[in-house]
Amino acid sequence: MGMSTKIVVVLRQDLEPALAANAGVVLGLALGGRLEDSLAADGKDAGGGAHAGLNPHPVPTLVASGEQLRRLKAGADERGLTVVGFNEVARRSRDYAEYLDALAATGPQDVEYVGVAVLGPRGDVNRLTGKLALMR
């Protein structure tokens, strides 16, 4: 039986590989920090080596345009899903205090998303992301 919830990470399609990797990590950490009991049990390999538990959800990484990311974030917010948006204001800031100050001076229409991570009921997440392409 499949999971009733789904996690998807969607990155802006024009990101260079290093920026895409960074955005994926930032989104994963931020989303993971909002989840309780999100890790599966630790495991051991055949030699007894320890392996930290992972998130049990498959996490497809998709790509979208900046406008599609804006619509995805809005749609996830409207549905009450758990959503994390990583934006250019954050990406360009040198520390978190600078980010918060810059964000406070940025109009909502000027927030440009680098990526969005969404968690929610499988059907809702699929409706929002089902037509997006896998990252290649």
N, C-alpha and C. Protein backbone atom coordinates (compact mmCIF):
# COMPACT_ATOMS: atom_id res chain seq x y z
N MET A 1 0.84 -1.19 0.00
CA MET A 1 0.00 0.00 0.00
C MET A 1 0.88 1.24 0.00
N GLY A 2 0.57 2.22 -0.86
CA GLY A 2 1.36 3.44 -0.98
C GLY A 2 1.07 4.41 0.15
N MET A 3 1.92 5.41 0.25
CA MET A 3 1.74 6.44 1.27
C MET A 3 0.58 7.36 0.89
N SER A 4 -0.13 7.84 1.88
CA SER A 4 -1.26 8.74 1.62
C SER A 4 -0.80 10.17 1.39
N THR A 5 0.43 10.47 1.77
CA THR A 5 0.98 11.81 1.56
C THR A 5 2.11 11.74 0.54
N LYS A 6 2.44 12.91 0.01
CA LYS A 6 3.48 12.99 -1.01
C LYS A 6 4.32 14.23 -0.77
N ILE A 7 5.62 14.12 -1.03
CA ILE A 7 6.53 15.25 -1.00
C ILE A 7 7.07 15.44 -2.42
N VAL A 8 7.09 16.67 -2.87
CA VAL A 8 7.67 17.00 -4.17
C VAL A 8 8.55 18.24 -4.00
N VAL A 9 9.70 18.23 -4.64
CA VAL A 9 10.56 19.40 -4.72
C VAL A 9 10.53 19.85 -6.18
N VAL A 10 10.24 21.14 -6.38
CA VAL A 10 10.18 21.70 -7.73
C VAL A 10 11.18 22.85 -7.80
N LEU A 11 12.11 22.75 -8.74
CA LEU A 11 13.15 23.76 -8.90
C LEU A 11 12.94 24.53 -10.19
N ARG A 12 13.39 25.78 -10.19
CA ARG A 12 13.28 26.59 -11.40
C ARG A 12 14.15 25.97 -12.49
N GLN A 13 13.58 25.84 -13.66
CA GLN A 13 14.20 25.08 -14.74
C GLN A 13 15.50 25.66 -15.28
N ASP A 14 15.78 26.93 -15.03
CA ASP A 14 16.98 27.54 -15.59
C ASP A 14 18.16 27.59 -14.62
N LEU A 15 18.07 26.91 -13.49
CA LEU A 15 19.15 26.96 -12.51
C LEU A 15 20.37 26.17 -12.98
N GLU A 16 21.54 26.71 -12.73
CA GLU A 16 22.78 25.98 -12.97
C GLU A 16 22.83 24.82 -11.96
N PRO A 17 23.56 23.75 -12.27
CA PRO A 17 23.58 22.58 -11.38
C PRO A 17 23.93 22.89 -9.93
N ALA A 18 24.93 23.73 -9.68
CA ALA A 18 25.30 24.03 -8.30
C ALA A 18 24.19 24.77 -7.57
N LEU A 19 23.51 25.69 -8.25
CA LEU A 19 22.40 26.41 -7.63
C LEU A 19 21.21 25.50 -7.41
N ALA A 20 20.96 24.58 -8.33
CA ALA A 20 19.87 23.61 -8.16
C ALA A 20 20.14 22.70 -6.96
N ALA A 21 21.38 22.23 -6.84
CA ALA A 21 21.73 21.38 -5.70
C ALA A 21 21.54 22.14 -4.40
N ASN A 22 22.01 23.38 -4.35
CA ASN A 22 21.86 24.19 -3.15
C ASN A 22 20.38 24.41 -2.81
N ALA A 23 19.59 24.75 -3.81
CA ALA A 23 18.16 24.99 -3.57
C ALA A 23 17.48 23.73 -3.05
N GLY A 24 17.80 22.57 -3.62
CA GLY A 24 17.22 21.32 -3.16
C GLY A 24 17.55 21.03 -1.71
N VAL A 25 18.79 21.28 -1.32
CA VAL A 25 19.21 21.05 0.07
C VAL A 25 18.50 22.02 1.01
N VAL A 26 18.46 23.29 0.65
CA VAL A 26 17.79 24.29 1.49
C VAL A 26 16.32 23.92 1.69
N LEU A 27 15.65 23.56 0.61
CA LEU A 27 14.24 23.19 0.70
C LEU A 27 14.03 21.93 1.54
N GLY A 28 14.89 20.93 1.33
CA GLY A 28 14.77 19.69 2.10
C GLY A 28 14.96 19.91 3.59
N LEU A 29 15.96 20.70 3.95
CA LEU A 29 16.19 20.99 5.36
C LEU A 29 15.02 21.76 5.97
N ALA A 30 14.54 22.76 5.24
CA ALA A 30 13.44 23.57 5.76
C ALA A 30 12.15 22.76 5.91
N LEU A 31 11.86 21.91 4.91
CA LEU A 31 10.66 21.09 5.00
C LEU A 31 10.82 20.05 6.11
N GLY A 32 11.98 19.40 6.16
CA GLY A 32 12.22 18.38 7.18
C GLY A 32 12.10 18.93 8.59
N GLY A 33 12.51 20.17 8.78
CA GLY A 33 12.41 20.79 10.09
C GLY A 33 10.99 21.03 10.55
N ARG A 34 10.05 20.98 9.61
CA ARG A 34 8.64 21.22 9.95
C ARG A 34 7.87 19.92 10.21
N LEU A 35 8.54 18.79 10.03
CA LEU A 35 7.86 17.51 10.13
C LEU A 35 8.24 16.78 11.40
N GLU A 36 7.25 16.22 12.06
CA GLU A 36 7.52 15.37 13.21
C GLU A 36 7.59 13.93 12.73
N ASP A 37 8.45 13.17 13.35
CA ASP A 37 8.57 11.74 13.03
C ASP A 37 8.72 11.52 11.53
N SER A 38 9.56 12.33 10.89
CA SER A 38 9.69 12.22 9.44
C SER A 38 10.79 11.26 9.00
N LEU A 39 11.53 10.70 9.96
CA LEU A 39 12.61 9.81 9.60
C LEU A 39 12.26 8.37 9.93
N ALA A 40 12.67 7.47 9.06
CA ALA A 40 12.51 6.05 9.31
C ALA A 40 13.61 5.60 10.28
N ALA A 41 13.51 4.38 10.71
CA ALA A 41 14.49 3.83 11.65
C ALA A 41 15.88 3.78 11.04
N ASP A 42 16.89 3.92 11.90
CA ASP A 42 18.27 3.72 11.46
C ASP A 42 18.43 2.27 10.99
N GLY A 43 19.42 2.03 10.16
CA GLY A 43 19.66 0.67 9.68
C GLY A 43 21.12 0.31 9.81
N LYS A 44 21.41 -0.95 9.57
CA LYS A 44 22.78 -1.44 9.58
C LYS A 44 23.01 -2.24 8.32
N ASP A 45 24.22 -2.13 7.79
CA ASP A 45 24.56 -2.95 6.64
C ASP A 45 25.04 -4.32 7.12
N ALA A 46 25.37 -5.21 6.19
CA ALA A 46 25.74 -6.57 6.53
C ALA A 46 27.00 -6.64 7.39
N GLY A 47 27.82 -5.61 7.35
CA GLY A 47 29.02 -5.57 8.17
C GLY A 47 28.82 -4.90 9.52
N GLY A 48 27.59 -4.50 9.81
CA GLY A 48 27.29 -3.86 11.09
C GLY A 48 27.46 -2.35 11.08
N GLY A 49 27.78 -1.78 9.91
CA GLY A 49 27.93 -0.33 9.82
C GLY A 49 26.59 0.38 9.95
N ALA A 50 26.58 1.45 10.72
CA ALA A 50 25.34 2.19 10.97
C ALA A 50 25.02 3.14 9.82
N HIS A 51 23.73 3.25 9.51
CA HIS A 51 23.23 4.17 8.49
C HIS A 51 22.03 4.90 9.06
N ALA A 52 22.14 6.23 9.13
CA ALA A 52 21.07 7.05 9.70
C ALA A 52 19.78 6.86 8.92
N GLY A 53 18.66 6.88 9.62
CA GLY A 53 17.36 6.75 8.99
C GLY A 53 17.10 7.88 8.01
N LEU A 54 16.38 7.56 6.97
CA LEU A 54 16.04 8.52 5.92
C LEU A 54 14.56 8.83 5.95
N ASN A 55 14.18 9.86 5.25
CA ASN A 55 12.78 10.14 5.03
C ASN A 55 12.21 8.99 4.20
N PRO A 56 11.11 8.37 4.62
CA PRO A 56 10.59 7.23 3.86
C PRO A 56 9.82 7.59 2.59
N HIS A 57 9.53 8.87 2.38
CA HIS A 57 8.83 9.29 1.17
C HIS A 57 9.78 9.29 -0.03
N PRO A 58 9.34 8.80 -1.17
CA PRO A 58 10.08 9.13 -2.38
C PRO A 58 9.94 10.64 -2.59
N VAL A 59 10.95 11.30 -3.11
CA VAL A 59 10.89 12.75 -3.31
C VAL A 59 11.28 13.06 -4.75
N PRO A 60 10.31 13.09 -5.66
CA PRO A 60 10.64 13.47 -7.03
C PRO A 60 11.08 14.93 -7.08
N THR A 61 12.05 15.19 -7.92
CA THR A 61 12.50 16.55 -8.15
C THR A 61 12.05 16.95 -9.55
N LEU A 62 11.22 17.97 -9.62
CA LEU A 62 10.62 18.42 -10.86
C LEU A 62 11.17 19.79 -11.21
N VAL A 63 10.89 20.25 -12.42
CA VAL A 63 11.30 21.59 -12.85
C VAL A 63 10.08 22.36 -13.34
N ALA A 64 10.19 23.68 -13.20
CA ALA A 64 9.10 24.57 -13.61
C ALA A 64 9.68 25.95 -13.90
N SER A 65 8.90 26.74 -14.59
CA SER A 65 9.27 28.14 -14.82
C SER A 65 9.04 28.93 -13.53
N GLY A 66 9.58 30.13 -13.49
CA GLY A 66 9.35 31.00 -12.34
C GLY A 66 7.88 31.26 -12.10
N GLU A 67 7.11 31.48 -13.16
CA GLU A 67 5.67 31.72 -13.01
C GLU A 67 4.95 30.47 -12.51
N GLN A 68 5.34 29.31 -12.99
CA GLN A 68 4.74 28.07 -12.50
C GLN A 68 5.03 27.87 -11.01
N LEU A 69 6.24 28.22 -10.58
CA LEU A 69 6.57 28.12 -9.16
C LEU A 69 5.70 29.05 -8.32
N ARG A 70 5.48 30.26 -8.82
CA ARG A 70 4.61 31.20 -8.10
C ARG A 70 3.19 30.64 -7.96
N ARG A 71 2.68 30.06 -9.04
CA ARG A 71 1.33 29.47 -9.00
C ARG A 71 1.29 28.24 -8.09
N LEU A 72 2.34 27.44 -8.13
CA LEU A 72 2.42 26.26 -7.26
C LEU A 72 2.39 26.68 -5.80
N LYS A 73 3.21 27.66 -5.43
CA LYS A 73 3.23 28.14 -4.04
C LYS A 73 1.86 28.65 -3.63
N ALA A 74 1.23 29.44 -4.47
CA ALA A 74 -0.10 29.98 -4.16
C ALA A 74 -1.13 28.86 -4.03
N GLY A 75 -1.09 27.90 -4.94
CA GLY A 75 -2.03 26.78 -4.89
C GLY A 75 -1.85 25.93 -3.65
N ALA A 76 -0.60 25.69 -3.26
CA ALA A 76 -0.34 24.91 -2.05
C ALA A 76 -0.81 25.67 -0.81
N ASP A 77 -0.57 26.98 -0.79
CA ASP A 77 -1.06 27.80 0.33
C ASP A 77 -2.58 27.76 0.41
N GLU A 78 -3.25 27.89 -0.72
CA GLU A 78 -4.72 27.88 -0.75
C GLU A 78 -5.29 26.57 -0.22
N ARG A 79 -4.60 25.46 -0.49
CA ARG A 79 -5.07 24.15 -0.05
C ARG A 79 -4.63 23.80 1.38
N GLY A 80 -3.85 24.67 2.00
CA GLY A 80 -3.39 24.41 3.36
C GLY A 80 -2.32 23.33 3.44
N LEU A 81 -1.58 23.12 2.35
CA LEU A 81 -0.52 22.13 2.36
C LEU A 81 0.72 22.69 3.04
N THR A 82 1.60 21.83 3.46
CA THR A 82 2.88 22.27 3.99
C THR A 82 3.74 22.65 2.79
N VAL A 83 4.17 23.90 2.74
CA VAL A 83 4.91 24.39 1.57
C VAL A 83 6.05 25.28 2.04
N VAL A 84 7.21 25.09 1.41
CA VAL A 84 8.37 25.93 1.66
C VAL A 84 8.81 26.50 0.33
N GLY A 85 8.94 27.82 0.28
CA GLY A 85 9.45 28.47 -0.93
C GLY A 85 10.83 29.03 -0.68
N PHE A 86 11.75 28.75 -1.58
CA PHE A 86 13.09 29.33 -1.51
C PHE A 86 13.16 30.35 -2.63
N ASN A 87 13.47 31.60 -2.28
CA ASN A 87 13.39 32.67 -3.27
C ASN A 87 14.73 33.36 -3.47
N GLU A 88 14.76 34.22 -4.48
CA GLU A 88 16.00 34.94 -4.82
C GLU A 88 16.44 35.88 -3.70
N VAL A 89 15.51 36.44 -2.95
CA VAL A 89 15.88 37.30 -1.83
C VAL A 89 16.72 36.50 -0.83
N ALA A 90 16.27 35.29 -0.52
CA ALA A 90 17.02 34.43 0.41
C ALA A 90 18.34 33.98 -0.20
N ARG A 91 18.30 33.59 -1.45
CA ARG A 91 19.51 33.07 -2.11
C ARG A 91 20.62 34.11 -2.16
N ARG A 92 20.26 35.36 -2.31
CA ARG A 92 21.25 36.43 -2.44
C ARG A 92 21.68 37.03 -1.11
N SER A 93 21.01 36.67 -0.03
CA SER A 93 21.33 37.24 1.29
C SER A 93 22.53 36.51 1.90
N ARG A 94 23.33 37.27 2.65
CA ARG A 94 24.53 36.69 3.27
C ARG A 94 24.23 36.02 4.61
N ASP A 95 23.15 36.41 5.26
CA ASP A 95 22.75 35.75 6.50
C ASP A 95 21.23 35.90 6.66
N TYR A 96 20.70 35.22 7.67
CA TYR A 96 19.25 35.17 7.80
C TYR A 96 18.64 36.51 8.19
N ALA A 97 19.32 37.27 9.01
CA ALA A 97 18.80 38.60 9.39
C ALA A 97 18.70 39.49 8.16
N GLU A 98 19.73 39.45 7.30
CA GLU A 98 19.69 40.23 6.06
C GLU A 98 18.52 39.79 5.18
N TYR A 99 18.30 38.47 5.12
CA TYR A 99 17.17 37.94 4.34
C TYR A 99 15.85 38.49 4.86
N LEU A 100 15.64 38.41 6.17
CA LEU A 100 14.37 38.87 6.74
C LEU A 100 14.14 40.35 6.48
N ASP A 101 15.19 41.15 6.59
CA ASP A 101 15.07 42.59 6.31
C ASP A 101 14.73 42.83 4.84
N ALA A 102 15.44 42.14 3.95
CA ALA A 102 15.20 42.32 2.50
C ALA A 102 13.82 41.82 2.12
N LEU A 103 13.40 40.71 2.69
CA LEU A 103 12.08 40.16 2.38
C LEU A 103 10.98 41.12 2.82
N ALA A 104 11.16 41.74 3.99
CA ALA A 104 10.16 42.68 4.50
C ALA A 104 10.00 43.89 3.58
N ALA A 105 11.01 44.17 2.78
CA ALA A 105 10.95 45.30 1.85
C ALA A 105 10.59 44.88 0.43
N THR A 106 10.27 43.60 0.24
CA THR A 106 9.95 43.06 -1.09
C THR A 106 8.45 42.83 -1.21
N GLY A 107 7.84 43.41 -2.22
CA GLY A 107 6.41 43.19 -2.46
C GLY A 107 6.16 41.75 -2.87
N PRO A 108 4.99 41.21 -2.53
CA PRO A 108 4.70 39.81 -2.87
C PRO A 108 4.83 39.52 -4.37
N GLN A 109 4.51 40.49 -5.20
CA GLN A 109 4.60 40.30 -6.65
C GLN A 109 6.04 40.25 -7.13
N ASP A 110 6.98 40.68 -6.28
CA ASP A 110 8.39 40.70 -6.65
C ASP A 110 9.19 39.52 -6.08
N VAL A 111 8.54 38.62 -5.37
CA VAL A 111 9.23 37.44 -4.84
C VAL A 111 9.40 36.45 -5.99
N GLU A 112 10.65 36.18 -6.35
CA GLU A 112 10.97 35.25 -7.43
C GLU A 112 11.44 33.94 -6.80
N TYR A 113 10.71 32.85 -7.07
CA TYR A 113 11.04 31.57 -6.45
C TYR A 113 12.14 30.84 -7.22
N VAL A 114 13.07 30.29 -6.46
CA VAL A 114 14.13 29.42 -6.97
C VAL A 114 13.61 27.98 -6.95
N GLY A 115 12.81 27.68 -5.93
CA GLY A 115 12.24 26.35 -5.79
C GLY A 115 11.17 26.34 -4.73
N VAL A 116 10.37 25.28 -4.75
CA VAL A 116 9.28 25.10 -3.80
C VAL A 116 9.23 23.62 -3.42
N ALA A 117 9.07 23.33 -2.14
CA ALA A 117 8.86 21.97 -1.66
C ALA A 117 7.44 21.90 -1.10
N VAL A 118 6.73 20.83 -1.42
CA VAL A 118 5.34 20.68 -1.00
C VAL A 118 5.14 19.31 -0.39
N LEU A 119 4.39 19.27 0.71
CA LEU A 119 3.98 18.02 1.36
C LEU A 119 2.49 18.12 1.61
N GLY A 120 1.78 17.07 1.28
CA GLY A 120 0.35 17.04 1.57
C GLY A 120 -0.27 15.76 1.07
N PRO A 121 -1.60 15.69 1.13
CA PRO A 121 -2.28 14.52 0.61
C PRO A 121 -1.89 14.27 -0.85
N ARG A 122 -1.63 13.03 -1.16
CA ARG A 122 -1.13 12.65 -2.49
C ARG A 122 -1.95 13.27 -3.62
N GLY A 123 -3.27 13.22 -3.53
CA GLY A 123 -4.12 13.75 -4.60
C GLY A 123 -3.94 15.24 -4.80
N ASP A 124 -3.86 15.98 -3.70
CA ASP A 124 -3.68 17.44 -3.80
C ASP A 124 -2.32 17.78 -4.42
N VAL A 125 -1.27 17.11 -3.97
CA VAL A 125 0.07 17.37 -4.50
C VAL A 125 0.12 16.99 -5.99
N ASN A 126 -0.49 15.86 -6.34
CA ASN A 126 -0.50 15.45 -7.75
C ASN A 126 -1.24 16.44 -8.63
N ARG A 127 -2.36 16.99 -8.15
CA ARG A 127 -3.10 17.97 -8.94
C ARG A 127 -2.27 19.22 -9.19
N LEU A 128 -1.46 19.60 -8.22
CA LEU A 128 -0.63 20.80 -8.37
C LEU A 128 0.61 20.57 -9.23
N THR A 129 1.14 19.37 -9.22
CA THR A 129 2.45 19.13 -9.84
C THR A 129 2.45 18.10 -10.96
N GLY A 130 1.31 17.48 -11.22
CA GLY A 130 1.25 16.34 -12.14
C GLY A 130 1.71 16.62 -13.56
N LYS A 131 1.64 17.86 -14.02
CA LYS A 131 2.04 18.17 -15.39
C LYS A 131 3.47 18.68 -15.51
N LEU A 132 4.17 18.75 -14.39
CA LEU A 132 5.55 19.24 -14.42
C LEU A 132 6.51 18.12 -14.79
N ALA A 133 7.61 18.48 -15.43
CA ALA A 133 8.60 17.49 -15.87
C ALA A 133 9.59 17.15 -14.76
N LEU A 134 10.09 15.93 -14.81
CA LEU A 134 11.17 15.52 -13.92
C LEU A 134 12.45 16.28 -14.28
N MET A 135 13.23 16.59 -13.27
CA MET A 135 14.51 17.24 -13.52
C MET A 135 15.44 16.23 -14.19
N ARG A 136 16.16 16.66 -15.19
CA ARG A 136 17.10 15.78 -15.91
C ARG A 136 18.50 16.31 -15.77
